[in-house]
Every structure is written in C-alpha cells, then in structure tokens.
Protein backbone atom coordinates (compact mmCIF):
# COMPACT_ATOMS: atom_id res chain seq x y z
CA MET A 1 121.40 99.57 76.44
CA SER A 2 124.26 102.05 76.50
CA THR A 3 126.34 103.67 79.20
CA ASN A 4 127.76 106.45 77.00
CA LEU A 5 125.13 109.05 77.79
CA PRO A 6 124.86 112.15 75.61
CA LYS A 7 125.94 115.48 77.07
CA ALA A 8 122.31 116.61 77.09
CA VAL A 9 121.40 113.88 79.59
CA VAL A 10 124.52 114.30 81.74
CA ARG A 11 123.93 118.07 81.90
CA HIS A 12 120.45 117.57 83.41
CA LEU A 13 121.23 114.84 85.95
CA GLU A 14 121.37 115.78 89.63
CA PRO A 15 124.79 115.25 91.29
CA ASP A 16 123.71 112.11 93.20
CA GLU A 17 121.12 110.84 90.69
CA LYS A 18 121.80 107.27 89.56
CA VAL A 19 121.13 106.03 86.03
CA LEU A 20 119.51 102.59 86.26
CA PHE A 21 118.68 101.81 82.62
CA THR A 22 119.04 103.42 79.19
CA VAL A 23 117.63 102.79 75.75
CA ARG A 24 119.26 104.40 72.72
CA LYS A 25 117.65 104.27 69.32
CA LYS A 26 119.00 105.67 66.10
CA VAL A 27 116.41 105.91 63.36
CA SER A 28 118.00 106.12 59.86
CA LEU A 29 120.14 109.26 59.51
CA GLU A 30 118.60 111.08 62.46
CA LYS A 31 120.50 111.73 65.67
CA PRO A 32 119.71 109.18 68.43
CA LYS A 33 116.74 109.25 70.78
CA TRP A 34 117.28 108.26 74.42
CA LEU A 35 115.07 107.04 77.23
CA VAL A 36 116.91 107.12 80.55
CA ILE A 37 115.50 105.58 83.73
CA THR A 38 117.07 106.98 86.90
CA ASP A 39 116.38 106.41 90.57
CA ARG A 40 114.21 109.58 90.53
CA ARG A 41 112.63 110.04 87.11
CA ILE A 42 112.26 109.11 83.46
CA VAL A 43 114.21 111.32 81.04
CA TYR A 44 113.59 111.43 77.28
CA ILE A 45 116.11 113.11 74.97
CA ASP A 46 115.66 113.60 71.23
CA GLU A 47 119.04 114.75 69.94
CA LYS A 48 119.13 117.16 66.98
CA VAL A 49 121.96 118.39 64.78
CA LEU A 50 124.35 121.13 65.93
CA GLY A 51 124.02 120.21 69.62
CA ARG A 52 120.30 120.94 69.84
CA TYR A 53 117.89 118.57 71.59
CA ASP A 54 114.40 118.21 73.02
CA MET A 55 114.13 116.90 76.58
CA LYS A 56 111.25 115.79 78.79
CA ALA A 57 111.72 114.57 82.36
CA ILE A 58 108.94 113.00 84.40
CA PRO A 59 109.68 112.56 88.12
CA TYR A 60 108.18 109.41 89.64
CA GLN A 61 105.97 111.56 91.89
CA LYS A 62 104.20 112.87 88.75
CA LEU A 63 104.09 109.54 86.92
CA GLU A 64 100.61 108.03 86.61
CA GLU A 65 100.78 105.18 84.11
CA VAL A 66 103.07 103.49 81.59
CA THR A 67 101.49 101.52 78.74
CA VAL A 68 103.30 99.37 76.20
CA GLU A 69 101.48 98.08 73.13
CA LEU A 70 103.52 95.26 71.58
CA GLY A 71 102.44 94.38 68.05
CA VAL A 72 103.83 91.98 65.49
CA ILE A 73 105.98 94.60 63.75
CA SER A 74 106.36 97.49 66.18
CA SER A 75 105.71 98.65 69.71
CA GLU A 76 104.30 101.83 71.18
CA PHE A 77 105.43 103.10 74.57
CA ILE A 78 103.17 105.67 76.29
CA ILE A 79 104.12 107.39 79.55
CA LYS A 80 101.37 109.44 81.24
CA GLY A 81 101.94 111.89 84.04
CA GLU A 82 100.16 114.61 85.98
CA GLU A 83 99.57 118.01 84.38
CA ASN A 84 98.68 116.36 81.03
CA ILE A 85 102.22 115.07 80.54
CA ARG A 86 102.17 112.45 77.79
CA LEU A 87 105.21 110.93 76.14
CA LYS A 88 104.61 108.62 73.18
CA LEU A 89 107.51 106.59 71.76
CA GLY A 90 107.08 104.36 68.75
CA TRP A 91 110.71 103.50 68.11
CA MET A 92 111.40 100.71 70.60
CA ASN A 93 111.44 97.08 69.59
CA LYS A 94 109.53 94.53 71.68
CA GLU A 95 112.46 93.43 73.82
CA GLN A 96 113.55 97.02 74.56
CA ALA A 97 109.97 97.90 75.52
CA ARG A 98 109.70 94.93 77.90
CA GLU A 99 113.08 95.70 79.50
CA THR A 100 112.18 99.38 79.86
CA ILE A 101 108.82 98.81 81.56
CA ASN A 102 110.50 96.34 83.94
CA ALA A 103 113.23 98.92 84.71
CA ILE A 104 110.55 101.53 85.51
CA LYS A 105 108.70 98.98 87.68
CA ASP A 106 111.92 98.16 89.58
CA ALA A 107 112.74 101.87 90.07
CA LEU A 108 109.25 102.57 91.44
CA ASN A 109 109.29 99.49 93.68
CA ALA A 110 112.62 100.65 95.14
CA ILE A 111 110.98 103.80 96.54
CA ALA A 112 107.36 102.67 97.04
CA ILE A 113 105.71 101.32 100.16
CA GLU A 114 103.19 99.34 98.09
CA PRO A 115 104.34 97.43 94.97
CA VAL A 116 103.41 98.74 91.53
CA THR A 117 100.61 97.11 89.58
CA ILE A 118 101.25 95.54 86.19
CA GLU A 119 98.47 94.27 83.97
CA VAL A 120 99.37 92.15 80.92
CA LYS A 121 96.88 91.27 78.19
CA LYS A 122 98.25 88.83 75.62
CA GLY A 123 96.44 88.13 72.37
CA LEU A 124 97.44 86.20 69.27
CA THR A 125 99.30 89.08 67.59
CA HIS A 126 99.21 91.79 70.23
CA GLU A 127 100.34 92.24 73.83
CA THR A 128 99.57 95.15 76.17
CA TRP A 129 101.41 95.92 79.41
CA VAL A 130 100.05 98.60 81.77
CA LEU A 131 102.05 99.73 84.81
CA LYS A 132 100.28 101.86 87.42
CA LYS A 133 102.22 103.42 90.24
CA PRO A 134 101.20 103.03 93.89
CA LYS A 135 98.86 105.70 95.19
CA GLU A 136 101.23 106.79 97.98
CA LEU A 137 103.62 108.20 95.37
CA VAL A 138 101.11 110.89 94.35
CA SER A 139 102.84 114.26 94.58
CA ARG A 140 102.26 115.70 98.05
CA VAL A 141 104.25 118.92 98.38
CA VAL A 142 104.66 122.06 96.37
CA PRO A 143 108.10 123.74 96.20
CA ALA A 144 107.31 125.93 99.21
CA GLY A 145 106.76 122.75 101.26
CA THR A 146 103.01 123.20 101.68
CA THR A 147 101.07 119.95 101.95
CA VAL A 148 98.69 119.50 99.02
CA GLN A 149 97.35 115.95 99.23
CA HIS A 150 97.69 113.13 101.72
CA ALA A 151 98.33 109.56 100.71
CA PRO A 152 95.42 107.14 101.07
CA ALA A 153 95.43 104.50 103.80
CA VAL A 154 97.89 101.74 103.07
CA GLU A 155 96.49 98.22 102.71
CA LYS A 156 98.08 95.53 104.90
CA LYS A 157 99.65 93.26 102.28
CA GLU A 158 103.31 93.55 103.17
CA ASP A 159 105.25 93.01 106.38
CA PRO A 160 104.91 96.12 108.60
CA LEU A 161 108.69 96.18 109.22
CA GLU A 162 109.35 96.31 105.45
CA LYS A 163 106.80 99.11 105.13
CA LEU A 164 108.55 101.02 107.91
CA LYS A 165 111.86 100.70 106.11
CA LYS A 166 110.38 101.97 102.83
CA LEU A 167 108.55 104.75 104.64
CA LYS A 168 111.85 105.94 106.17
CA GLU A 169 113.47 105.90 102.72
CA LEU A 170 110.64 108.07 101.32
CA TYR A 171 111.08 110.50 104.20
CA ASP A 172 114.87 110.62 103.76
CA MET A 173 114.43 111.36 100.03
CA GLY A 174 112.06 114.24 100.83
CA VAL A 175 109.08 112.62 99.09
CA ILE A 176 106.93 112.84 102.23
CA SER A 177 106.85 115.45 104.98
CA ALA A 178 107.82 114.89 108.61
CA GLU A 179 104.14 115.00 109.62
CA GLU A 180 103.19 112.36 107.04
CA TYR A 181 106.15 110.21 108.09
CA GLU A 182 105.20 110.36 111.80
CA GLU A 183 101.52 109.64 111.11
CA LYS A 184 102.27 106.58 108.92
CA ARG A 185 105.06 105.37 111.21
CA LYS A 186 102.68 105.30 114.19
CA LYS A 187 100.07 103.36 112.18
CA LEU A 188 102.67 100.82 111.07
CA LEU A 189 104.02 100.39 114.61
CA GLU A 190 100.49 99.55 115.77
CA GLN A 191 100.46 96.63 113.28
CA ILE A 192 103.56 95.02 114.80
C-alpha cells in the first residue's frame, strides 16, 4: 500500500473524495500500475512513459461484481460493472488481492443499506472470492435527475434504525432521490 499517489490519480479525484486503500505494482521496467479504492469508486491507473497513462474509474453505483481467483503462483482480479465495464488485473499477489477485495467490501458497506455478499470457494490449490454489491446500489438517476430504476424492497435483516441512518447517508450523498428517500424512510419507520 502506498500513500504517494501519482499525479494522474490526484488529478482525477473529486475535492472531497477520500482515498481508502491503494495498491501499487511495478512490473519489471514498466511504470507502475495503481488500483485506488475511494469512498466513491474504484480507480485504475496504468502509468506510461512521458507522463502518459490509461485510467478507468468505476463508481460504486455501476459496480456489479468483483471476483478474485487466487492460485498457487498468481492471482487474477476481475471487476465487472454496468455498460460492459470489465477490468482484469493479473498483477496482484494473493495478499494484495485479499486486502483489496476487503477494502472494496468495506467501502460498499459504508454506503449500503444491506451488507455486501461475499462467496469464498477454497480448494486445494485454488481459492475464489466473489463480492456482489447490494441491489439498492443499482444506479437510479441519469445526469438530468430523471428516475430510471427503483431499488427492490429491502429485506428485514438489520435493525430499522441502522437502515434509517444508512438511508439518510445515501440521500445526503445524492445516490437516491428525495422521493426514494421518503418512500423508504416511511417503510422503515413502520418497522419500528
């Protein structure tokens, strides 16, 4: 993990966006590759020579699934998002991959009403971790603010007061509209 972020990452961060976790990997003589987990999204930077770089950023609202295949020698990290977004990283070691998927899980849980799902399949020489985000984080608004899709009904697994708190945080961050907030708030108040 490193706190000395490259200029390419710093340039693309929002003013109040918080970096929660970083992975830096330098492969032979190449410039480093970065995976940065923030409180809003996952950012991948592949630095090139002469200040050039490739960048992909996947906001949590568009994130669908994160899969980590941990083998004996190497690991493969696959991040899937809406709109056929697919980021495949083969340069992380096992420990970095485990720490990264846990950082993504923690970042999603910090803004989700329902906890994320993690499935782990451990074999003799192979281990697979699959993280699926909660359904209520499905993207709901287009830039003009028009509602596109409503979140499914929330199952009653968690304390309604905790759900209310998380719901308010989602509303304050602009993830859900005022109408969605009011509708879900009323349902949660009925459970108390």
